Every structure is written in structure tokens, then in C-alpha cells.
Amino acid sequence: MMQLYEIVRDMPTHEARKTLEKKEKMSLDLKRESAEAKFEQDILEELHQLLDDVKNLECFNVRDYLG
């Protein structure tokens, strides 16, 4: 996901995006969507790993380790 973040991190959002011309918004959308498609498999793999990590955390009870 870091690769996707590197592409979109400087793209304007919210109010800043509203000030852009339609053509510029479309260009940014195309760039973002192309990156999403390019990295889709990597993103899905990272998502599954994150879900597994969260599941493992749910099994871990912090109170068992606090004195």
C-alpha cells in the first residue's frame, strides 16, 4: 500500500479538490485508479496480512501479562 500512498499522498482532497478544474480532477482520478489497478494484488495481500494480524491480536489478552 505504500506504493499507492506515494502516488496519491500529494493529491488534493476535500475542499482543495473542490477548487480544481474538472479536467484536472479527471486526470488525478485516472492516475489514482491506474495505480490502484496496478497494485491491486499487492494491496489485497497486505489486507489479508493485516486481517490476520488483527485476528491474532484479538487472541492476545493484555491483562494476562499485566501483574
N, C-alpha and C. Protein backbone atom coordinates (compact mmCIF):
# COMPACT_ATOMS: atom_id res chain seq x y z
N MET A 1 0.82 -1.19 0.00
CA MET A 1 0.00 0.00 0.00
C MET A 1 0.86 1.26 0.00
N MET A 2 2.08 1.10 0.44
CA MET A 2 2.98 2.26 0.47
C MET A 2 3.21 2.80 -0.94
N GLN A 3 3.28 1.91 -1.92
CA GLN A 3 3.48 2.37 -3.29
C GLN A 3 2.31 3.23 -3.75
N LEU A 4 1.10 2.82 -3.41
CA LEU A 4 -0.08 3.60 -3.76
C LEU A 4 -0.07 4.94 -3.02
N TYR A 5 0.27 4.88 -1.75
CA TYR A 5 0.33 6.11 -0.95
C TYR A 5 1.31 7.11 -1.56
N GLU A 6 2.46 6.63 -2.02
CA GLU A 6 3.45 7.53 -2.62
C GLU A 6 2.87 8.26 -3.83
N ILE A 7 1.96 7.63 -4.53
CA ILE A 7 1.36 8.26 -5.71
C ILE A 7 0.28 9.26 -5.33
N VAL A 8 -0.52 8.95 -4.32
CA VAL A 8 -1.68 9.79 -4.01
C VAL A 8 -1.47 10.79 -2.87
N ARG A 9 -0.36 10.68 -2.15
CA ARG A 9 -0.21 11.49 -0.94
C ARG A 9 -0.29 12.99 -1.16
N ASP A 10 0.12 13.47 -2.31
CA ASP A 10 0.09 14.92 -2.57
C ASP A 10 -1.14 15.36 -3.35
N MET A 11 -2.03 14.42 -3.63
CA MET A 11 -3.24 14.78 -4.35
C MET A 11 -4.18 15.53 -3.41
N PRO A 12 -4.76 16.61 -3.89
CA PRO A 12 -5.66 17.39 -3.03
C PRO A 12 -6.92 16.61 -2.68
N THR A 13 -7.41 16.85 -1.47
CA THR A 13 -8.63 16.19 -1.00
C THR A 13 -9.59 17.24 -0.45
N HIS A 14 -10.79 16.84 -0.24
CA HIS A 14 -11.83 17.64 0.39
C HIS A 14 -11.98 19.01 -0.26
N GLU A 15 -11.83 20.05 0.51
CA GLU A 15 -12.05 21.42 -0.02
C GLU A 15 -11.06 21.76 -1.13
N ALA A 16 -9.82 21.33 -0.98
CA ALA A 16 -8.81 21.63 -2.01
C ALA A 16 -9.18 20.98 -3.34
N ARG A 17 -9.74 19.79 -3.28
CA ARG A 17 -10.15 19.10 -4.51
C ARG A 17 -11.30 19.83 -5.19
N LYS A 18 -12.18 20.40 -4.38
CA LYS A 18 -13.34 21.11 -4.93
C LYS A 18 -12.94 22.31 -5.77
N THR A 19 -11.75 22.84 -5.54
CA THR A 19 -11.30 24.04 -6.28
C THR A 19 -10.68 23.70 -7.63
N LEU A 20 -10.45 22.42 -7.90
CA LEU A 20 -9.80 22.01 -9.14
C LEU A 20 -10.77 22.06 -10.31
N GLU A 21 -10.20 22.28 -11.48
CA GLU A 21 -10.98 22.20 -12.71
C GLU A 21 -11.37 20.74 -12.96
N LYS A 22 -12.48 20.56 -13.65
CA LYS A 22 -12.99 19.21 -13.92
C LYS A 22 -11.93 18.35 -14.61
N LYS A 23 -11.24 18.92 -15.58
CA LYS A 23 -10.23 18.18 -16.33
C LYS A 23 -9.09 17.73 -15.41
N GLU A 24 -8.69 18.57 -14.49
CA GLU A 24 -7.61 18.23 -13.56
C GLU A 24 -8.06 17.13 -12.59
N LYS A 25 -9.31 17.21 -12.13
CA LYS A 25 -9.84 16.15 -11.25
C LYS A 25 -9.85 14.82 -11.98
N MET A 26 -10.29 14.85 -13.23
CA MET A 26 -10.35 13.62 -14.02
C MET A 26 -8.95 13.03 -14.23
N SER A 27 -7.98 13.89 -14.45
CA SER A 27 -6.60 13.45 -14.63
C SER A 27 -6.07 12.79 -13.36
N LEU A 28 -6.33 13.41 -12.22
CA LEU A 28 -5.90 12.84 -10.94
C LEU A 28 -6.62 11.52 -10.65
N ASP A 29 -7.91 11.49 -10.96
CA ASP A 29 -8.68 10.25 -10.76
C ASP A 29 -8.11 9.12 -11.60
N LEU A 30 -7.76 9.41 -12.84
CA LEU A 30 -7.20 8.39 -13.72
C LEU A 30 -5.86 7.89 -13.19
N LYS A 31 -5.05 8.81 -12.71
CA LYS A 31 -3.75 8.44 -12.15
C LYS A 31 -3.93 7.54 -10.91
N ARG A 32 -4.86 7.91 -10.03
CA ARG A 32 -5.13 7.12 -8.82
C ARG A 32 -5.70 5.76 -9.18
N GLU A 33 -6.69 5.73 -10.06
CA GLU A 33 -7.32 4.47 -10.44
C GLU A 33 -6.34 3.54 -11.16
N SER A 34 -5.47 4.10 -11.96
CA SER A 34 -4.45 3.29 -12.63
C SER A 34 -3.50 2.67 -11.61
N ALA A 35 -3.12 3.44 -10.62
CA ALA A 35 -2.24 2.93 -9.56
C ALA A 35 -2.95 1.86 -8.74
N GLU A 36 -4.23 2.08 -8.45
CA GLU A 36 -5.00 1.08 -7.70
C GLU A 36 -5.05 -0.23 -8.47
N ALA A 37 -5.26 -0.16 -9.77
CA ALA A 37 -5.31 -1.36 -10.60
C ALA A 37 -3.94 -2.04 -10.65
N LYS A 38 -2.89 -1.24 -10.79
CA LYS A 38 -1.54 -1.77 -10.87
C LYS A 38 -1.15 -2.52 -9.59
N PHE A 39 -1.53 -1.97 -8.45
CA PHE A 39 -1.12 -2.53 -7.16
C PHE A 39 -2.22 -3.36 -6.49
N GLU A 40 -3.28 -3.66 -7.22
CA GLU A 40 -4.43 -4.35 -6.60
C GLU A 40 -4.02 -5.64 -5.89
N GLN A 41 -3.23 -6.47 -6.54
CA GLN A 41 -2.86 -7.75 -5.92
C GLN A 41 -2.03 -7.52 -4.66
N ASP A 42 -1.10 -6.58 -4.71
CA ASP A 42 -0.28 -6.28 -3.53
C ASP A 42 -1.15 -5.74 -2.39
N ILE A 43 -2.10 -4.90 -2.72
CA ILE A 43 -2.99 -4.33 -1.72
C ILE A 43 -3.82 -5.44 -1.06
N LEU A 44 -4.34 -6.36 -1.87
CA LEU A 44 -5.13 -7.46 -1.32
C LEU A 44 -4.29 -8.36 -0.41
N GLU A 45 -3.05 -8.61 -0.80
CA GLU A 45 -2.17 -9.43 0.03
C GLU A 45 -1.90 -8.74 1.37
N GLU A 46 -1.64 -7.43 1.33
CA GLU A 46 -1.40 -6.68 2.56
C GLU A 46 -2.66 -6.64 3.43
N LEU A 47 -3.81 -6.55 2.79
CA LEU A 47 -5.07 -6.54 3.53
C LEU A 47 -5.26 -7.85 4.28
N HIS A 48 -5.01 -8.97 3.61
CA HIS A 48 -5.16 -10.27 4.26
C HIS A 48 -4.18 -10.41 5.43
N GLN A 49 -2.95 -9.90 5.25
CA GLN A 49 -1.98 -9.95 6.34
C GLN A 49 -2.45 -9.10 7.52
N LEU A 50 -2.97 -7.93 7.22
CA LEU A 50 -3.49 -7.06 8.28
C LEU A 50 -4.64 -7.72 9.03
N LEU A 51 -5.55 -8.34 8.29
CA LEU A 51 -6.66 -9.03 8.94
C LEU A 51 -6.18 -10.17 9.82
N ASP A 52 -5.18 -10.91 9.36
CA ASP A 52 -4.60 -11.98 10.17
C ASP A 52 -3.96 -11.40 11.43
N ASP A 53 -3.25 -10.29 11.29
CA ASP A 53 -2.60 -9.66 12.45
C ASP A 53 -3.63 -9.21 13.47
N VAL A 54 -4.73 -8.63 13.02
CA VAL A 54 -5.79 -8.18 13.93
C VAL A 54 -6.42 -9.38 14.62
N LYS A 55 -6.64 -10.43 13.86
CA LYS A 55 -7.21 -11.65 14.44
C LYS A 55 -6.30 -12.18 15.54
N ASN A 56 -5.00 -12.19 15.31
CA ASN A 56 -4.04 -12.65 16.31
C ASN A 56 -4.03 -11.74 17.54
N LEU A 57 -4.21 -10.47 17.34
CA LEU A 57 -4.26 -9.54 18.47
C LEU A 57 -5.50 -9.79 19.33
N GLU A 58 -6.59 -10.15 18.69
CA GLU A 58 -7.81 -10.43 19.44
C GLU A 58 -7.62 -11.63 20.36
N CYS A 59 -6.74 -12.55 19.98
CA CYS A 59 -6.46 -13.74 20.80
C CYS A 59 -5.52 -13.40 21.95
N PHE A 60 -4.82 -12.30 21.84
CA PHE A 60 -3.85 -11.89 22.84
C PHE A 60 -4.56 -11.06 23.90
N ASN A 61 -4.51 -11.48 25.12
CA ASN A 61 -5.16 -10.76 26.21
C ASN A 61 -4.10 -10.07 27.05
N VAL A 62 -4.05 -8.76 26.96
CA VAL A 62 -3.04 -7.96 27.64
C VAL A 62 -3.10 -8.17 29.14
N ARG A 63 -4.27 -8.35 29.69
CA ARG A 63 -4.42 -8.50 31.13
C ARG A 63 -3.67 -9.71 31.67
N ASP A 64 -3.49 -10.71 30.85
CA ASP A 64 -2.75 -11.90 31.26
C ASP A 64 -1.27 -11.59 31.52
N TYR A 65 -0.79 -10.50 30.92
CA TYR A 65 0.63 -10.18 31.03
C TYR A 65 0.88 -9.00 31.97
N LEU A 66 -0.17 -8.39 32.49
CA LEU A 66 -0.01 -7.30 33.45
C LEU A 66 -0.05 -7.90 34.84
N GLY A 67 0.87 -7.49 35.66
CA GLY A 67 0.96 -8.08 37.01
C GLY A 67 -0.13 -7.78 37.92
